Amino acid sequence: MTIADTLLEVPSRAIGVDPAIVQGFVQGTTTGAVDAAKAPKGKKSTAYQRAYKRSFKRVAPKFKKRNGEWKKGGFKAAVRAAHKEAKK
């Protein structure tokens, strides 16, 4: 038994929880914190990219069928329409 196990045993008994559960929780949170710190930072999207995204979501339904599939040439037309709207 390590020092860490001993340190976790007393509080776990005080709250009436199995020491193994407390240890697993502590190890899981530490591992998650380390993984989160190592996570790569994404690049910030530009104002135009955000405007294009909003425009595309707004115009896309006009170029889709009722069942959700794209009409013939619809995706290409939606991209053009979204770019045109985002430029404004």
N, C-alpha and C. Protein backbone atom coordinates (compact mmCIF):
# COMPACT_ATOMS: atom_id res chain seq x y z
N MET A 1 0.85 -1.18 0.00
CA MET A 1 0.00 0.00 0.00
C MET A 1 0.90 1.25 0.00
N THR A 2 0.60 2.17 -0.91
CA THR A 2 1.41 3.37 -1.02
C THR A 2 0.91 4.47 -0.08
N ILE A 3 1.68 5.53 -0.01
CA ILE A 3 1.29 6.67 0.83
C ILE A 3 -0.01 7.28 0.31
N ALA A 4 -0.14 7.36 -1.00
CA ALA A 4 -1.35 7.94 -1.59
C ALA A 4 -2.58 7.12 -1.21
N ASP A 5 -2.44 5.79 -1.24
CA ASP A 5 -3.57 4.94 -0.85
C ASP A 5 -3.97 5.18 0.60
N THR A 6 -2.96 5.33 1.45
CA THR A 6 -3.21 5.58 2.87
C THR A 6 -3.92 6.92 3.06
N LEU A 7 -3.48 7.92 2.33
CA LEU A 7 -4.09 9.25 2.44
C LEU A 7 -5.55 9.24 1.99
N LEU A 8 -5.87 8.43 1.00
CA LEU A 8 -7.24 8.37 0.49
C LEU A 8 -8.15 7.51 1.37
N GLU A 9 -7.55 6.60 2.13
CA GLU A 9 -8.34 5.66 2.92
C GLU A 9 -9.11 6.36 4.04
N VAL A 10 -8.48 7.29 4.72
CA VAL A 10 -9.12 7.96 5.86
C VAL A 10 -10.34 8.78 5.43
N PRO A 11 -10.22 9.67 4.40
CA PRO A 11 -11.41 10.43 4.00
C PRO A 11 -12.52 9.55 3.45
N SER A 12 -12.14 8.48 2.75
CA SER A 12 -13.17 7.60 2.18
C SER A 12 -13.97 6.91 3.28
N ARG A 13 -13.29 6.51 4.35
CA ARG A 13 -14.01 5.90 5.48
C ARG A 13 -14.92 6.92 6.16
N ALA A 14 -14.44 8.17 6.24
CA ALA A 14 -15.22 9.21 6.90
C ALA A 14 -16.53 9.47 6.18
N ILE A 15 -16.51 9.39 4.84
CA ILE A 15 -17.75 9.64 4.10
C ILE A 15 -18.51 8.35 3.78
N GLY A 16 -17.91 7.20 4.14
CA GLY A 16 -18.59 5.93 3.96
C GLY A 16 -18.57 5.39 2.54
N VAL A 17 -17.48 5.65 1.83
CA VAL A 17 -17.33 5.17 0.46
C VAL A 17 -16.14 4.22 0.41
N ASP A 18 -16.23 3.21 -0.45
CA ASP A 18 -15.15 2.25 -0.61
C ASP A 18 -13.88 2.98 -1.07
N PRO A 19 -12.73 2.71 -0.44
CA PRO A 19 -11.48 3.39 -0.82
C PRO A 19 -11.09 3.17 -2.29
N ALA A 20 -11.41 2.01 -2.84
CA ALA A 20 -11.07 1.73 -4.24
C ALA A 20 -11.82 2.67 -5.18
N ILE A 21 -13.05 3.01 -4.84
CA ILE A 21 -13.85 3.92 -5.68
C ILE A 21 -13.24 5.32 -5.64
N VAL A 22 -12.87 5.76 -4.45
CA VAL A 22 -12.26 7.09 -4.32
C VAL A 22 -10.95 7.15 -5.08
N GLN A 23 -10.14 6.10 -4.97
CA GLN A 23 -8.85 6.08 -5.67
C GLN A 23 -9.06 6.11 -7.18
N GLY A 24 -10.02 5.33 -7.68
CA GLY A 24 -10.31 5.34 -9.11
C GLY A 24 -10.77 6.70 -9.58
N PHE A 25 -11.58 7.36 -8.78
CA PHE A 25 -12.06 8.68 -9.14
C PHE A 25 -10.90 9.67 -9.22
N VAL A 26 -10.02 9.64 -8.22
CA VAL A 26 -8.89 10.57 -8.18
C VAL A 26 -7.96 10.31 -9.36
N GLN A 27 -7.65 9.06 -9.63
CA GLN A 27 -6.77 8.74 -10.75
C GLN A 27 -7.41 9.13 -12.07
N GLY A 28 -8.70 8.92 -12.21
CA GLY A 28 -9.40 9.28 -13.44
C GLY A 28 -9.40 10.77 -13.68
N THR A 29 -9.61 11.55 -12.63
CA THR A 29 -9.64 13.00 -12.81
C THR A 29 -8.25 13.53 -13.10
N THR A 30 -7.23 12.95 -12.51
CA THR A 30 -5.87 13.41 -12.77
C THR A 30 -5.50 13.11 -14.21
N THR A 31 -5.80 11.90 -14.66
CA THR A 31 -5.50 11.53 -16.03
C THR A 31 -6.24 12.43 -17.01
N GLY A 32 -7.52 12.69 -16.71
CA GLY A 32 -8.30 13.56 -17.59
C GLY A 32 -7.74 14.96 -17.64
N ALA A 33 -7.26 15.47 -16.50
CA ALA A 33 -6.69 16.82 -16.46
C ALA A 33 -5.42 16.88 -17.29
N VAL A 34 -4.61 15.83 -17.21
CA VAL A 34 -3.36 15.81 -17.98
C VAL A 34 -3.68 15.75 -19.46
N ASP A 35 -4.63 14.90 -19.85
CA ASP A 35 -5.02 14.79 -21.26
C ASP A 35 -5.59 16.11 -21.77
N ALA A 36 -6.36 16.79 -20.94
CA ALA A 36 -6.95 18.07 -21.36
C ALA A 36 -5.86 19.12 -21.56
N ALA A 37 -4.85 19.09 -20.73
CA ALA A 37 -3.77 20.06 -20.86
C ALA A 37 -2.95 19.81 -22.12
N LYS A 38 -2.87 18.56 -22.54
CA LYS A 38 -2.09 18.21 -23.73
C LYS A 38 -2.89 18.37 -25.02
N ALA A 39 -4.19 18.63 -24.91
CA ALA A 39 -5.03 18.71 -26.10
C ALA A 39 -4.56 19.84 -27.00
N PRO A 40 -4.48 19.60 -28.32
CA PRO A 40 -4.03 20.65 -29.22
C PRO A 40 -5.06 21.78 -29.31
N LYS A 41 -4.57 22.96 -29.38
CA LYS A 41 -5.44 24.12 -29.48
C LYS A 41 -5.86 24.29 -30.94
N GLY A 42 -7.15 24.46 -31.15
CA GLY A 42 -7.64 24.67 -32.51
C GLY A 42 -7.39 26.09 -32.95
N LYS A 43 -7.37 26.29 -34.25
CA LYS A 43 -7.17 27.64 -34.76
C LYS A 43 -8.50 28.39 -34.70
N LYS A 44 -8.42 29.67 -34.44
CA LYS A 44 -9.63 30.49 -34.36
C LYS A 44 -10.15 30.75 -35.77
N SER A 45 -11.45 30.57 -35.93
CA SER A 45 -12.02 30.81 -37.24
C SER A 45 -12.15 32.32 -37.48
N THR A 46 -12.04 32.71 -38.73
CA THR A 46 -12.10 34.13 -39.07
C THR A 46 -13.55 34.58 -39.08
N ALA A 47 -13.74 35.88 -39.13
CA ALA A 47 -15.09 36.44 -39.19
C ALA A 47 -15.80 35.98 -40.47
N TYR A 48 -15.05 35.90 -41.57
CA TYR A 48 -15.65 35.45 -42.83
C TYR A 48 -16.08 33.99 -42.74
N GLN A 49 -15.27 33.15 -42.12
CA GLN A 49 -15.64 31.74 -41.98
C GLN A 49 -16.92 31.58 -41.17
N ARG A 50 -17.05 32.38 -40.11
CA ARG A 50 -18.26 32.31 -39.29
C ARG A 50 -19.47 32.82 -40.07
N ALA A 51 -19.28 33.89 -40.85
CA ALA A 51 -20.37 34.43 -41.66
C ALA A 51 -20.79 33.42 -42.73
N TYR A 52 -19.79 32.77 -43.35
CA TYR A 52 -20.09 31.77 -44.38
C TYR A 52 -20.86 30.59 -43.78
N LYS A 53 -20.45 30.17 -42.60
CA LYS A 53 -21.13 29.05 -41.93
C LYS A 53 -22.60 29.38 -41.70
N ARG A 54 -22.86 30.58 -41.18
CA ARG A 54 -24.26 31.00 -40.95
C ARG A 54 -25.03 31.07 -42.26
N SER A 55 -24.40 31.64 -43.28
CA SER A 55 -25.06 31.78 -44.58
C SER A 55 -25.37 30.41 -45.19
N PHE A 56 -24.41 29.49 -45.10
CA PHE A 56 -24.61 28.17 -45.69
C PHE A 56 -25.77 27.46 -45.01
N LYS A 57 -25.83 27.54 -43.68
CA LYS A 57 -26.93 26.91 -42.96
C LYS A 57 -28.27 27.53 -43.33
N ARG A 58 -28.25 28.82 -43.65
CA ARG A 58 -29.48 29.52 -44.00
C ARG A 58 -29.96 29.15 -45.42
N VAL A 59 -29.03 29.01 -46.37
CA VAL A 59 -29.43 28.77 -47.76
C VAL A 59 -29.53 27.28 -48.13
N ALA A 60 -28.87 26.41 -47.38
CA ALA A 60 -28.82 24.98 -47.73
C ALA A 60 -30.20 24.35 -47.93
N PRO A 61 -31.19 24.60 -47.07
CA PRO A 61 -32.49 23.95 -47.27
C PRO A 61 -33.15 24.26 -48.61
N LYS A 62 -32.83 25.39 -49.20
CA LYS A 62 -33.42 25.76 -50.50
C LYS A 62 -32.91 24.84 -51.62
N PHE A 63 -31.75 24.22 -51.40
CA PHE A 63 -31.14 23.38 -52.43
C PHE A 63 -31.22 21.90 -52.08
N LYS A 64 -32.10 21.56 -51.14
CA LYS A 64 -32.28 20.16 -50.76
C LYS A 64 -33.70 19.71 -51.08
N LYS A 65 -33.82 18.38 -51.26
CA LYS A 65 -35.14 17.79 -51.46
C LYS A 65 -35.84 17.68 -50.12
N ARG A 66 -37.11 17.28 -50.15
CA ARG A 66 -37.87 17.14 -48.90
C ARG A 66 -37.34 16.04 -48.01
N ASN A 67 -36.67 15.04 -48.60
CA ASN A 67 -36.14 13.93 -47.80
C ASN A 67 -34.74 14.25 -47.26
N GLY A 68 -34.21 15.44 -47.52
CA GLY A 68 -32.92 15.85 -46.99
C GLY A 68 -31.75 15.66 -47.92
N GLU A 69 -31.96 14.98 -49.05
CA GLU A 69 -30.87 14.80 -50.01
C GLU A 69 -30.68 16.09 -50.80
N TRP A 70 -29.47 16.24 -51.35
CA TRP A 70 -29.20 17.41 -52.17
C TRP A 70 -29.86 17.25 -53.54
N LYS A 71 -30.40 18.35 -54.07
CA LYS A 71 -30.90 18.33 -55.44
C LYS A 71 -29.69 18.22 -56.37
N LYS A 72 -29.94 17.95 -57.64
CA LYS A 72 -28.86 17.83 -58.60
C LYS A 72 -28.15 19.18 -58.71
N GLY A 73 -26.85 19.20 -58.43
CA GLY A 73 -26.08 20.45 -58.46
C GLY A 73 -26.41 21.38 -57.30
N GLY A 74 -27.16 20.87 -56.33
CA GLY A 74 -27.61 21.70 -55.22
C GLY A 74 -26.51 22.13 -54.27
N PHE A 75 -25.58 21.22 -53.98
CA PHE A 75 -24.51 21.56 -53.04
C PHE A 75 -23.64 22.67 -53.61
N LYS A 76 -23.29 22.53 -54.87
CA LYS A 76 -22.45 23.54 -55.53
C LYS A 76 -23.17 24.89 -55.55
N ALA A 77 -24.45 24.86 -55.84
CA ALA A 77 -25.23 26.10 -55.87
C ALA A 77 -25.35 26.70 -54.47
N ALA A 78 -25.49 25.86 -53.46
CA ALA A 78 -25.59 26.34 -52.08
C ALA A 78 -24.30 27.00 -51.64
N VAL A 79 -23.17 26.41 -52.03
CA VAL A 79 -21.87 26.99 -51.69
C VAL A 79 -21.73 28.36 -52.32
N ARG A 80 -22.09 28.45 -53.58
CA ARG A 80 -22.00 29.75 -54.27
C ARG A 80 -22.91 30.78 -53.63
N ALA A 81 -24.14 30.39 -53.32
CA ALA A 81 -25.09 31.31 -52.72
C ALA A 81 -24.62 31.76 -51.33
N ALA A 82 -24.05 30.84 -50.59
CA ALA A 82 -23.56 31.17 -49.25
C ALA A 82 -22.38 32.14 -49.32
N HIS A 83 -21.48 31.92 -50.26
CA HIS A 83 -20.35 32.84 -50.44
C HIS A 83 -20.85 34.23 -50.84
N LYS A 84 -21.82 34.25 -51.74
CA LYS A 84 -22.36 35.52 -52.20
C LYS A 84 -23.02 36.28 -51.04
N GLU A 85 -23.75 35.55 -50.20
CA GLU A 85 -24.43 36.18 -49.06
C GLU A 85 -23.42 36.60 -47.98
N ALA A 86 -22.38 35.81 -47.79
CA ALA A 86 -21.40 36.12 -46.74
C ALA A 86 -20.57 37.34 -47.09
N LYS A 87 -20.38 37.61 -48.38
CA LYS A 87 -19.59 38.76 -48.82
C LYS A 87 -20.27 40.08 -48.51
N LYS A 88 -21.60 40.06 -48.40
CA LYS A 88 -22.35 41.29 -48.19
C LYS A 88 -22.03 41.92 -46.87
